[in-house]
């Protein structure tokens, strides 16, 4: 078998008994890394430590992995302006978080004969959030509903990284001002800005 040393150096082709003897000498495990190679390749390593490091790498990769989520927002064609602003706020929040948003306009009764109302509402919403997202799927009628999908300009991983940085900045601010709440710190900064500069 071809043997690789503990720090990655090539030992060469050695018999199994010699490889086991070297493993005992170094107090390490003899691990087969390429069974299908001719001759098979084995490495001297601490197998427990290797498994632990592999698990930690896998966990880190999972932590940085982003799951694409499609959030849904339902509207009616005759929506009140304040309700529209509230729903738009939710769409903005979802896009800032890096999620896709599926907007559904639900038609009832005679509203079904006026699909242009829903189309105009979807176009207005798309224009209002154009700086955060783009129209991934144009409005289309689906039975009694009209559906449009908005995609974020930012990737989910970028949004997660920004949120993490903002959270760390808030924690650092809290450590810098112990015993002072965030609201009190904001009030102090507003008060300092309002005080006139002395000549």
N, C-alpha and C. Protein backbone atom coordinates (compact mmCIF):
# COMPACT_ATOMS: atom_id res chain seq x y z
N UNK A 1 0.84 -1.18 0.00
CA UNK A 1 0.00 0.00 0.00
C UNK A 1 0.88 1.24 0.00
N UNK A 2 0.32 2.35 -0.59
CA UNK A 2 1.03 3.62 -0.60
C UNK A 2 0.68 4.35 0.69
N UNK A 3 1.68 4.78 1.45
CA UNK A 3 1.46 5.38 2.76
C UNK A 3 1.77 6.87 2.72
N UNK A 4 0.87 7.65 3.32
CA UNK A 4 1.05 9.10 3.46
C UNK A 4 1.23 9.39 4.94
N UNK A 5 2.24 10.18 5.27
CA UNK A 5 2.57 10.48 6.66
C UNK A 5 1.56 11.42 7.33
N UNK A 6 1.74 11.68 8.65
CA UNK A 6 0.79 12.51 9.40
C UNK A 6 0.68 13.94 8.89
N UNK A 7 1.79 14.51 8.37
CA UNK A 7 1.72 15.88 7.88
C UNK A 7 1.59 15.95 6.37
N UNK A 8 1.18 14.86 5.73
CA UNK A 8 0.92 14.85 4.30
C UNK A 8 2.10 14.44 3.44
N UNK A 9 3.22 14.11 4.06
CA UNK A 9 4.40 13.73 3.26
C UNK A 9 4.26 12.28 2.78
N UNK A 10 4.84 12.00 1.61
CA UNK A 10 4.78 10.67 1.02
C UNK A 10 5.83 9.77 1.69
N UNK A 11 5.39 8.67 2.28
CA UNK A 11 6.32 7.70 2.88
C UNK A 11 6.76 6.70 1.82
N UNK A 12 5.84 6.39 0.92
CA UNK A 12 6.15 5.45 -0.16
C UNK A 12 5.29 4.21 -0.07
N UNK A 13 5.66 3.19 -0.87
CA UNK A 13 4.91 1.93 -0.88
C UNK A 13 5.51 1.02 0.18
N UNK A 14 4.66 0.66 1.17
CA UNK A 14 5.14 -0.19 2.29
C UNK A 14 4.15 -1.33 2.49
N UNK A 15 4.60 -2.45 3.09
CA UNK A 15 3.66 -3.54 3.39
C UNK A 15 2.75 -3.16 4.56
N UNK A 16 1.64 -3.84 4.69
CA UNK A 16 0.65 -3.55 5.72
C UNK A 16 1.24 -3.62 7.12
N UNK A 17 2.04 -4.63 7.39
CA UNK A 17 2.62 -4.79 8.73
C UNK A 17 3.48 -3.58 9.10
N UNK A 18 4.27 -3.10 8.16
CA UNK A 18 5.13 -1.94 8.39
C UNK A 18 4.29 -0.69 8.64
N UNK A 19 3.18 -0.51 7.88
CA UNK A 19 2.29 0.64 8.04
C UNK A 19 1.64 0.63 9.42
N UNK A 20 1.21 -0.58 9.88
CA UNK A 20 0.60 -0.69 11.20
C UNK A 20 1.63 -0.39 12.30
N UNK A 21 2.84 -0.84 12.08
CA UNK A 21 3.92 -0.60 13.04
C UNK A 21 4.20 0.92 13.16
N UNK A 22 4.24 1.61 12.01
CA UNK A 22 4.45 3.07 12.01
C UNK A 22 3.29 3.79 12.71
N UNK A 23 2.06 3.32 12.49
CA UNK A 23 0.90 3.93 13.13
C UNK A 23 0.99 3.81 14.64
N UNK A 24 1.42 2.63 15.15
CA UNK A 24 1.58 2.45 16.60
C UNK A 24 2.71 3.33 17.13
N UNK A 25 3.76 3.44 16.36
CA UNK A 25 4.92 4.24 16.76
C UNK A 25 4.53 5.72 16.93
N UNK A 26 3.75 6.24 15.99
CA UNK A 26 3.31 7.65 16.05
C UNK A 26 2.07 7.83 16.93
N UNK A 27 1.49 6.74 17.44
CA UNK A 27 0.26 6.75 18.23
C UNK A 27 -0.89 7.38 17.42
N UNK A 28 -1.01 6.95 16.16
CA UNK A 28 -2.05 7.45 15.27
C UNK A 28 -2.81 6.26 14.68
N UNK A 29 -3.87 6.58 13.91
CA UNK A 29 -4.66 5.55 13.25
C UNK A 29 -4.22 5.43 11.80
N UNK A 30 -4.34 4.23 11.25
CA UNK A 30 -4.06 3.99 9.83
C UNK A 30 -5.40 3.99 9.11
N UNK A 31 -5.62 5.01 8.27
CA UNK A 31 -6.92 5.19 7.61
C UNK A 31 -6.75 5.05 6.11
N UNK A 32 -7.60 4.20 5.49
CA UNK A 32 -7.58 4.01 4.05
C UNK A 32 -8.35 5.16 3.40
N UNK A 33 -7.66 5.97 2.58
CA UNK A 33 -8.31 7.14 1.97
C UNK A 33 -8.70 6.90 0.52
N UNK A 34 -8.03 5.99 -0.18
CA UNK A 34 -8.38 5.68 -1.56
C UNK A 34 -8.27 4.17 -1.77
N UNK A 35 -9.38 3.47 -1.54
CA UNK A 35 -9.38 2.01 -1.62
C UNK A 35 -9.27 1.50 -3.05
N UNK A 36 -9.79 2.26 -4.03
CA UNK A 36 -9.83 1.80 -5.41
C UNK A 36 -8.53 2.06 -6.17
N UNK A 37 -7.62 2.83 -5.57
CA UNK A 37 -6.35 3.13 -6.25
C UNK A 37 -5.48 1.87 -6.25
N UNK A 38 -4.54 1.83 -7.18
CA UNK A 38 -3.60 0.71 -7.24
C UNK A 38 -2.20 1.24 -7.06
N UNK A 39 -1.49 0.96 -5.99
CA UNK A 39 -1.94 0.29 -4.76
C UNK A 39 -2.82 1.20 -3.93
N UNK A 40 -3.59 0.63 -2.97
CA UNK A 40 -4.48 1.46 -2.13
C UNK A 40 -3.66 2.49 -1.33
N UNK A 41 -4.28 3.66 -1.10
CA UNK A 41 -3.60 4.74 -0.38
C UNK A 41 -4.14 4.80 1.04
N UNK A 42 -3.19 4.81 2.02
CA UNK A 42 -3.55 4.93 3.43
C UNK A 42 -2.80 6.11 4.03
N UNK A 43 -3.39 6.69 5.08
CA UNK A 43 -2.77 7.85 5.72
C UNK A 43 -2.73 7.65 7.22
N UNK A 44 -1.65 8.13 7.83
CA UNK A 44 -1.54 8.12 9.29
C UNK A 44 -2.20 9.40 9.81
N UNK A 45 -3.23 9.23 10.63
CA UNK A 45 -3.93 10.42 11.17
C UNK A 45 -4.66 10.06 12.46
N UNK A 46 -5.05 11.10 13.20
CA UNK A 46 -5.90 10.91 14.38
C UNK A 46 -7.33 10.91 13.85
N UNK A 47 -7.94 9.75 13.75
CA UNK A 47 -9.24 9.62 13.09
C UNK A 47 -10.34 10.36 13.84
N UNK A 48 -10.31 10.34 15.16
CA UNK A 48 -11.32 11.05 15.97
C UNK A 48 -11.28 12.54 15.69
N UNK A 49 -10.07 13.10 15.64
CA UNK A 49 -9.91 14.53 15.35
C UNK A 49 -10.38 14.84 13.92
N UNK A 50 -10.07 13.94 12.99
CA UNK A 50 -10.48 14.12 11.59
C UNK A 50 -12.01 14.16 11.47
N UNK A 51 -12.69 13.23 12.16
CA UNK A 51 -14.16 13.19 12.13
C UNK A 51 -14.75 14.46 12.74
N UNK A 52 -14.16 14.92 13.85
CA UNK A 52 -14.65 16.13 14.51
C UNK A 52 -14.51 17.34 13.59
N UNK A 53 -13.34 17.50 12.95
CA UNK A 53 -13.12 18.63 12.06
C UNK A 53 -14.05 18.58 10.85
N UNK A 54 -14.31 17.37 10.34
CA UNK A 54 -15.24 17.23 9.21
C UNK A 54 -16.64 17.66 9.61
N UNK A 55 -17.06 17.26 10.81
CA UNK A 55 -18.40 17.63 11.30
C UNK A 55 -18.50 19.14 11.48
N UNK A 56 -17.43 19.77 11.99
CA UNK A 56 -17.44 21.22 12.19
C UNK A 56 -17.51 21.95 10.84
N UNK A 57 -16.79 21.46 9.84
CA UNK A 57 -16.84 22.08 8.50
C UNK A 57 -18.24 21.95 7.91
N UNK A 58 -18.85 20.77 8.08
CA UNK A 58 -20.21 20.56 7.54
C UNK A 58 -21.21 21.49 8.24
N UNK A 59 -21.06 21.66 9.55
CA UNK A 59 -21.97 22.53 10.30
C UNK A 59 -21.81 23.98 9.84
N UNK A 60 -20.57 24.41 9.62
CA UNK A 60 -20.29 25.77 9.16
C UNK A 60 -20.89 26.00 7.77
N UNK A 61 -20.77 24.99 6.92
CA UNK A 61 -21.34 25.10 5.56
C UNK A 61 -22.85 25.21 5.62
N UNK A 62 -23.49 24.43 6.53
CA UNK A 62 -24.94 24.50 6.68
C UNK A 62 -25.37 25.87 7.20
N UNK A 63 -24.57 26.44 8.12
CA UNK A 63 -24.91 27.74 8.71
C UNK A 63 -24.90 28.83 7.64
N UNK A 64 -23.96 28.76 6.70
CA UNK A 64 -23.85 29.77 5.66
C UNK A 64 -24.76 29.50 4.47
N UNK A 65 -25.43 28.34 4.49
CA UNK A 65 -26.30 27.97 3.37
C UNK A 65 -27.60 28.76 3.46
N UNK A 66 -28.08 29.23 2.35
CA UNK A 66 -29.31 30.01 2.34
C UNK A 66 -30.43 29.18 1.72
N UNK A 67 -31.56 29.15 2.40
CA UNK A 67 -32.73 28.44 1.87
C UNK A 67 -33.63 29.46 1.19
N UNK A 68 -33.94 29.24 -0.07
CA UNK A 68 -34.82 30.16 -0.78
C UNK A 68 -36.24 29.94 -0.30
N UNK A 69 -36.84 31.02 0.17
CA UNK A 69 -38.20 30.95 0.70
C UNK A 69 -39.08 31.85 -0.15
N UNK A 70 -40.27 31.37 -0.49
CA UNK A 70 -41.22 32.22 -1.20
C UNK A 70 -42.30 32.62 -0.20
N UNK A 71 -42.31 33.92 0.11
CA UNK A 71 -43.35 34.47 1.00
C UNK A 71 -44.54 34.83 0.13
N UNK A 72 -45.72 34.83 0.73
CA UNK A 72 -46.92 35.16 -0.05
C UNK A 72 -47.66 36.32 0.58
N UNK A 73 -48.14 37.23 -0.26
CA UNK A 73 -48.94 38.37 0.20
C UNK A 73 -50.21 38.39 -0.62
N UNK A 74 -51.36 38.44 0.05
CA UNK A 74 -52.65 38.43 -0.65
C UNK A 74 -53.28 39.81 -0.55
N UNK A 75 -53.79 40.29 -1.69
CA UNK A 75 -54.43 41.61 -1.76
C UNK A 75 -55.79 41.47 -2.43
N UNK A 76 -56.61 42.49 -2.25
CA UNK A 76 -57.89 42.58 -2.96
C UNK A 76 -57.82 43.77 -3.90
N UNK A 77 -58.55 43.76 -5.02
CA UNK A 77 -58.48 44.88 -5.97
C UNK A 77 -58.89 46.21 -5.35
N UNK A 78 -59.88 46.21 -4.44
CA UNK A 78 -60.37 47.45 -3.83
C UNK A 78 -59.74 47.65 -2.46
N UNK A 79 -58.41 47.57 -2.38
CA UNK A 79 -57.72 47.67 -1.09
C UNK A 79 -57.64 49.13 -0.65
N UNK A 80 -57.80 49.35 0.65
CA UNK A 80 -57.71 50.69 1.23
C UNK A 80 -56.26 51.18 1.17
N UNK A 81 -56.01 52.49 1.00
CA UNK A 81 -54.63 52.99 0.91
C UNK A 81 -53.75 52.61 2.10
N UNK A 82 -54.32 52.69 3.31
CA UNK A 82 -53.52 52.35 4.50
C UNK A 82 -53.18 50.86 4.52
N UNK A 83 -54.15 50.03 4.15
CA UNK A 83 -53.90 48.59 4.09
C UNK A 83 -52.83 48.28 3.03
N UNK A 84 -52.90 49.00 1.92
CA UNK A 84 -51.90 48.82 0.86
C UNK A 84 -50.50 49.14 1.39
N UNK A 85 -50.39 50.25 2.14
CA UNK A 85 -49.08 50.63 2.71
C UNK A 85 -48.56 49.57 3.66
N UNK A 86 -49.46 49.00 4.46
CA UNK A 86 -49.06 47.95 5.40
C UNK A 86 -48.55 46.72 4.65
N UNK A 87 -49.30 46.29 3.64
CA UNK A 87 -48.90 45.11 2.86
C UNK A 87 -47.59 45.39 2.12
N UNK A 88 -47.45 46.62 1.57
CA UNK A 88 -46.22 46.99 0.88
C UNK A 88 -45.04 46.93 1.85
N UNK A 89 -45.26 47.35 3.10
CA UNK A 89 -44.20 47.29 4.12
C UNK A 89 -43.73 45.85 4.35
N UNK A 90 -44.69 44.92 4.37
CA UNK A 90 -44.33 43.50 4.52
C UNK A 90 -43.50 43.02 3.32
N UNK A 91 -43.93 43.41 2.11
CA UNK A 91 -43.20 43.01 0.90
C UNK A 91 -41.78 43.56 0.93
N UNK A 92 -41.63 44.83 1.36
CA UNK A 92 -40.31 45.46 1.46
C UNK A 92 -39.44 44.68 2.44
N UNK A 93 -40.01 44.30 3.59
CA UNK A 93 -39.26 43.55 4.60
C UNK A 93 -38.80 42.19 4.04
N UNK A 94 -39.70 41.51 3.34
CA UNK A 94 -39.34 40.20 2.78
C UNK A 94 -38.22 40.34 1.75
N UNK A 95 -38.30 41.35 0.88
CA UNK A 95 -37.27 41.55 -0.14
C UNK A 95 -35.93 41.93 0.50
N UNK A 96 -35.97 42.73 1.56
CA UNK A 96 -34.73 43.10 2.26
C UNK A 96 -34.07 41.87 2.88
N UNK A 97 -34.89 40.89 3.29
CA UNK A 97 -34.36 39.65 3.88
C UNK A 97 -33.86 38.69 2.80
N UNK A 98 -34.05 39.06 1.52
CA UNK A 98 -33.56 38.23 0.43
C UNK A 98 -34.53 37.14 0.00
N UNK A 99 -35.80 37.25 0.41
CA UNK A 99 -36.80 36.24 0.04
C UNK A 99 -37.58 36.68 -1.20
N UNK A 100 -38.09 35.69 -1.94
CA UNK A 100 -38.99 35.99 -3.06
C UNK A 100 -40.38 36.22 -2.48
N UNK A 101 -41.18 37.01 -3.18
CA UNK A 101 -42.54 37.31 -2.71
C UNK A 101 -43.52 37.02 -3.84
N UNK A 102 -44.53 36.20 -3.51
CA UNK A 102 -45.60 35.89 -4.47
C UNK A 102 -46.79 36.75 -4.06
N UNK A 103 -47.21 37.65 -4.94
CA UNK A 103 -48.34 38.53 -4.65
C UNK A 103 -49.56 37.99 -5.38
N UNK A 104 -50.63 37.78 -4.63
CA UNK A 104 -51.88 37.24 -5.18
C UNK A 104 -52.99 38.27 -5.02
N UNK A 105 -53.64 38.61 -6.12
CA UNK A 105 -54.83 39.47 -6.06
C UNK A 105 -56.03 38.55 -6.16
N UNK A 106 -56.90 38.63 -5.15
CA UNK A 106 -58.08 37.76 -5.11
C UNK A 106 -59.30 38.53 -5.60
N UNK A 107 -59.96 38.02 -6.63
CA UNK A 107 -61.17 38.65 -7.18
C UNK A 107 -62.40 37.92 -6.67
N UNK A 108 -63.45 38.71 -6.32
CA UNK A 108 -64.70 38.10 -5.89
C UNK A 108 -65.85 38.68 -6.71
N UNK A 109 -66.80 37.84 -7.03
CA UNK A 109 -68.02 38.29 -7.71
C UNK A 109 -67.74 39.03 -9.00
N UNK A 110 -68.31 40.27 -9.09
CA UNK A 110 -68.19 41.04 -10.33
C UNK A 110 -66.79 41.59 -10.54
N UNK A 111 -65.93 41.54 -9.52
CA UNK A 111 -64.54 42.00 -9.69
C UNK A 111 -63.83 41.18 -10.76
N UNK A 112 -64.31 39.95 -10.97
CA UNK A 112 -63.66 39.07 -11.95
C UNK A 112 -63.77 39.61 -13.37
N UNK A 113 -64.76 40.46 -13.61
CA UNK A 113 -64.91 41.03 -14.95
C UNK A 113 -64.01 42.25 -15.15
N UNK A 114 -63.25 42.65 -14.10
CA UNK A 114 -62.36 43.82 -14.20
C UNK A 114 -60.92 43.44 -13.80
N UNK A 115 -60.29 42.52 -14.54
CA UNK A 115 -58.93 42.11 -14.16
C UNK A 115 -57.91 43.24 -14.27
N UNK A 116 -58.24 44.29 -15.06
CA UNK A 116 -57.28 45.40 -15.21
C UNK A 116 -57.04 46.12 -13.88
N UNK A 117 -58.00 46.08 -12.95
CA UNK A 117 -57.81 46.69 -11.62
C UNK A 117 -56.68 45.98 -10.87
N UNK A 118 -56.72 44.66 -10.91
CA UNK A 118 -55.67 43.87 -10.25
C UNK A 118 -54.32 44.07 -10.92
N UNK A 119 -54.35 44.12 -12.26
CA UNK A 119 -53.10 44.31 -13.01
C UNK A 119 -52.45 45.64 -12.64
N UNK A 120 -53.28 46.71 -12.58
CA UNK A 120 -52.76 48.04 -12.23
C UNK A 120 -52.19 48.05 -10.81
N UNK A 121 -52.86 47.37 -9.90
CA UNK A 121 -52.40 47.31 -8.51
C UNK A 121 -51.04 46.59 -8.43
N UNK A 122 -50.90 45.49 -9.18
CA UNK A 122 -49.62 44.76 -9.18
C UNK A 122 -48.51 45.61 -9.80
N UNK A 123 -48.83 46.34 -10.87
CA UNK A 123 -47.83 47.21 -11.51
C UNK A 123 -47.40 48.31 -10.54
N UNK A 124 -48.36 48.87 -9.82
CA UNK A 124 -48.04 49.93 -8.83
C UNK A 124 -47.13 49.40 -7.74
N UNK A 125 -47.43 48.21 -7.24
CA UNK A 125 -46.61 47.60 -6.19
C UNK A 125 -45.20 47.32 -6.71
N UNK A 126 -45.09 46.81 -7.93
CA UNK A 126 -43.78 46.51 -8.52
C UNK A 126 -42.95 47.79 -8.66
N UNK A 127 -43.60 48.91 -9.05
CA UNK A 127 -42.89 50.19 -9.16
C UNK A 127 -42.46 50.70 -7.79
N UNK A 128 -43.32 50.51 -6.77
CA UNK A 128 -43.00 51.00 -5.42
C UNK A 128 -41.81 50.30 -4.80
N UNK A 129 -41.58 49.03 -5.16
CA UNK A 129 -40.47 48.26 -4.56
C UNK A 129 -39.36 47.98 -5.58
N UNK A 130 -39.31 48.76 -6.67
CA UNK A 130 -38.35 48.51 -7.75
C UNK A 130 -36.91 48.59 -7.27
N UNK A 131 -36.63 49.42 -6.24
CA UNK A 131 -35.25 49.55 -5.75
C UNK A 131 -34.79 48.33 -4.97
N UNK A 132 -35.74 47.51 -4.46
CA UNK A 132 -35.39 46.32 -3.68
C UNK A 132 -35.55 45.01 -4.45
N UNK A 133 -36.45 45.00 -5.43
CA UNK A 133 -36.71 43.75 -6.15
C UNK A 133 -37.14 44.00 -7.58
N UNK A 134 -37.27 42.92 -8.32
CA UNK A 134 -37.67 42.98 -9.72
C UNK A 134 -38.79 41.98 -9.95
N UNK A 135 -39.52 42.18 -11.04
CA UNK A 135 -40.64 41.28 -11.38
C UNK A 135 -40.04 40.03 -12.00
N UNK A 136 -40.14 38.93 -11.27
CA UNK A 136 -39.59 37.66 -11.77
C UNK A 136 -40.60 36.95 -12.66
N UNK A 137 -41.88 37.08 -12.30
CA UNK A 137 -42.95 36.46 -13.09
C UNK A 137 -44.03 37.51 -13.28
N UNK A 138 -44.31 37.88 -14.52
CA UNK A 138 -45.29 38.93 -14.81
C UNK A 138 -46.69 38.51 -14.36
N UNK A 139 -47.56 39.49 -14.08
CA UNK A 139 -48.92 39.17 -13.62
C UNK A 139 -49.66 38.30 -14.61
N UNK A 140 -50.27 37.24 -14.10
CA UNK A 140 -51.09 36.39 -14.97
C UNK A 140 -52.30 35.89 -14.20
N UNK A 141 -53.40 35.76 -14.93
CA UNK A 141 -54.67 35.35 -14.34
C UNK A 141 -54.64 33.84 -14.10
N UNK A 142 -55.08 33.45 -12.90
CA UNK A 142 -55.14 32.03 -12.56
C UNK A 142 -56.48 31.78 -11.87
N UNK A 143 -57.49 31.50 -12.68
CA UNK A 143 -58.84 31.32 -12.12
C UNK A 143 -59.35 32.64 -11.57
N UNK A 144 -59.71 32.66 -10.29
CA UNK A 144 -60.22 33.88 -9.68
C UNK A 144 -59.11 34.75 -9.11
N UNK A 145 -57.86 34.34 -9.28
CA UNK A 145 -56.72 35.08 -8.74
C UNK A 145 -55.82 35.59 -9.86
N UNK A 146 -55.04 36.63 -9.54
CA UNK A 146 -53.99 37.11 -10.43
C UNK A 146 -52.69 37.05 -9.63
N UNK A 147 -51.66 36.47 -10.22
CA UNK A 147 -50.43 36.19 -9.47
C UNK A 147 -49.24 36.86 -10.13
N UNK A 148 -48.34 37.41 -9.29
CA UNK A 148 -47.08 37.97 -9.76
C UNK A 148 -46.01 37.59 -8.72
N UNK A 149 -44.79 37.31 -9.19
CA UNK A 149 -43.70 36.96 -8.27
C UNK A 149 -42.60 38.02 -8.38
N UNK A 150 -42.19 38.53 -7.21
CA UNK A 150 -41.10 39.50 -7.14
C UNK A 150 -39.86 38.80 -6.58
N UNK A 151 -38.71 39.06 -7.20
CA UNK A 151 -37.45 38.50 -6.70
C UNK A 151 -36.59 39.63 -6.15
N UNK A 152 -35.79 39.35 -5.12
CA UNK A 152 -34.94 40.40 -4.54
C UNK A 152 -33.69 40.66 -5.39
N UNK A 153 -33.20 41.91 -5.37
CA UNK A 153 -31.92 42.21 -6.03
C UNK A 153 -30.78 41.57 -5.26
N UNK A 154 -30.91 41.55 -3.91
CA UNK A 154 -29.87 40.98 -3.05
C UNK A 154 -30.06 39.49 -2.91
N UNK A 155 -28.96 38.75 -2.85
CA UNK A 155 -29.05 37.32 -2.59
C UNK A 155 -29.32 37.11 -1.10
N UNK A 156 -29.89 35.97 -0.78
CA UNK A 156 -30.22 35.65 0.61
C UNK A 156 -28.98 35.67 1.49
N UNK A 157 -27.85 35.16 0.99
CA UNK A 157 -26.62 35.12 1.81
C UNK A 157 -26.14 36.53 2.12
N UNK A 158 -26.24 37.46 1.13
CA UNK A 158 -25.83 38.84 1.37
C UNK A 158 -26.73 39.48 2.43
N UNK A 159 -28.05 39.24 2.33
CA UNK A 159 -28.98 39.80 3.30
C UNK A 159 -28.71 39.25 4.69
N UNK A 160 -28.40 37.94 4.77
CA UNK A 160 -28.09 37.33 6.07
C UNK A 160 -26.82 37.94 6.66
N UNK A 161 -25.80 38.16 5.82
CA UNK A 161 -24.54 38.74 6.29
C UNK A 161 -24.76 40.16 6.79
N UNK A 162 -25.57 40.95 6.07
CA UNK A 162 -25.85 42.32 6.51
C UNK A 162 -26.60 42.32 7.83
N UNK A 163 -27.58 41.43 7.98
CA UNK A 163 -28.35 41.35 9.23
C UNK A 163 -27.43 40.97 10.39
N UNK A 164 -26.49 40.04 10.14
CA UNK A 164 -25.55 39.61 11.17
C UNK A 164 -24.64 40.77 11.59
N UNK A 165 -24.16 41.55 10.59
CA UNK A 165 -23.30 42.71 10.89
C UNK A 165 -24.06 43.75 11.70
N UNK A 166 -25.31 44.01 11.34
CA UNK A 166 -26.12 44.99 12.07
C UNK A 166 -26.34 44.54 13.51
N UNK A 167 -26.57 43.24 13.70
CA UNK A 167 -26.78 42.71 15.04
C UNK A 167 -25.50 42.83 15.87
N UNK A 168 -24.34 42.54 15.26
CA UNK A 168 -23.07 42.67 15.98
C UNK A 168 -22.79 44.12 16.34
N UNK A 169 -23.15 45.06 15.44
CA UNK A 169 -22.97 46.49 15.73
C UNK A 169 -23.84 46.92 16.91
N UNK A 170 -25.09 46.40 16.96
CA UNK A 170 -25.97 46.73 18.09
C UNK A 170 -25.42 46.17 19.39
N UNK A 171 -24.86 44.95 19.35
CA UNK A 171 -24.27 44.35 20.55
C UNK A 171 -23.06 45.15 21.03
N UNK A 172 -22.23 45.58 20.06
CA UNK A 172 -21.05 46.38 20.41
C UNK A 172 -21.47 47.70 21.04
N UNK A 173 -22.52 48.31 20.51
CA UNK A 173 -23.05 49.57 21.05
C UNK A 173 -23.57 49.36 22.47
N UNK A 174 -24.25 48.23 22.68
CA UNK A 174 -24.78 47.92 24.02
C UNK A 174 -23.64 47.70 25.01
N UNK A 175 -22.54 47.06 24.56
CA UNK A 175 -21.39 46.85 25.45
C UNK A 175 -20.68 48.17 25.75
N UNK A 176 -20.67 49.08 24.76
CA UNK A 176 -20.00 50.37 24.95
C UNK A 176 -20.79 51.27 25.91
N UNK A 177 -22.10 51.12 25.94
CA UNK A 177 -22.96 51.91 26.83
C UNK A 177 -23.72 50.98 27.78
N UNK A 178 -23.05 50.35 28.76
CA UNK A 178 -23.77 49.43 29.64
C UNK A 178 -24.75 50.19 30.53
N UNK A 179 -25.90 49.59 30.77
CA UNK A 179 -26.91 50.18 31.63
C UNK A 179 -27.78 51.19 30.92
N UNK A 180 -27.48 51.52 29.67
CA UNK A 180 -28.27 52.49 28.92
C UNK A 180 -29.02 51.74 27.84
N UNK A 181 -30.34 51.90 27.80
CA UNK A 181 -31.13 51.21 26.79
C UNK A 181 -30.91 51.86 25.43
N UNK A 182 -31.27 51.15 24.37
CA UNK A 182 -31.09 51.67 23.01
C UNK A 182 -31.95 52.90 22.81
N UNK A 183 -33.17 52.93 23.39
CA UNK A 183 -34.05 54.10 23.24
C UNK A 183 -33.44 55.33 23.88
N UNK A 184 -32.81 55.15 25.06
CA UNK A 184 -32.17 56.28 25.74
C UNK A 184 -30.99 56.79 24.93
N UNK A 185 -30.22 55.88 24.33
CA UNK A 185 -29.08 56.27 23.50
C UNK A 185 -29.56 57.05 22.27
N UNK A 186 -30.68 56.61 21.66
CA UNK A 186 -31.25 57.32 20.52
C UNK A 186 -31.73 58.70 20.92
N UNK A 187 -32.36 58.81 22.09
CA UNK A 187 -32.85 60.10 22.58
C UNK A 187 -31.69 61.06 22.82
N UNK A 188 -30.58 60.56 23.38
CA UNK A 188 -29.40 61.40 23.61
C UNK A 188 -28.84 61.93 22.30
N UNK A 189 -28.77 61.06 21.27
CA UNK A 189 -28.22 61.49 19.98
C UNK A 189 -29.13 62.52 19.32
N UNK A 190 -30.46 62.37 19.47
CA UNK A 190 -31.41 63.34 18.91
C UNK A 190 -31.27 64.67 19.63
N UNK A 191 -31.16 64.61 20.97
CA UNK A 191 -31.03 65.83 21.77
C UNK A 191 -29.74 66.57 21.41
N UNK A 192 -28.64 65.83 21.23
CA UNK A 192 -27.36 66.44 20.86
C UNK A 192 -27.46 67.10 19.49
N UNK A 193 -28.21 66.51 18.59
CA UNK A 193 -28.37 67.09 17.25
C UNK A 193 -29.22 68.34 17.27
N UNK A 194 -30.19 68.40 18.21
CA UNK A 194 -31.08 69.54 18.27
C UNK A 194 -30.45 70.75 18.97
N UNK A 195 -29.44 70.54 19.84
CA UNK A 195 -28.83 71.66 20.56
C UNK A 195 -28.10 72.56 19.57
N UNK A 196 -28.31 73.89 19.70
CA UNK A 196 -27.65 74.81 18.77
C UNK A 196 -26.16 74.88 19.02
N UNK A 197 -25.37 75.02 17.97
CA UNK A 197 -23.93 75.12 18.11
C UNK A 197 -23.57 76.48 18.68
N UNK A 198 -22.69 76.48 19.71
CA UNK A 198 -22.29 77.74 20.34
C UNK A 198 -21.24 78.43 19.48
N UNK A 199 -21.39 79.77 19.36
CA UNK A 199 -20.47 80.54 18.52
C UNK A 199 -19.23 80.95 19.30
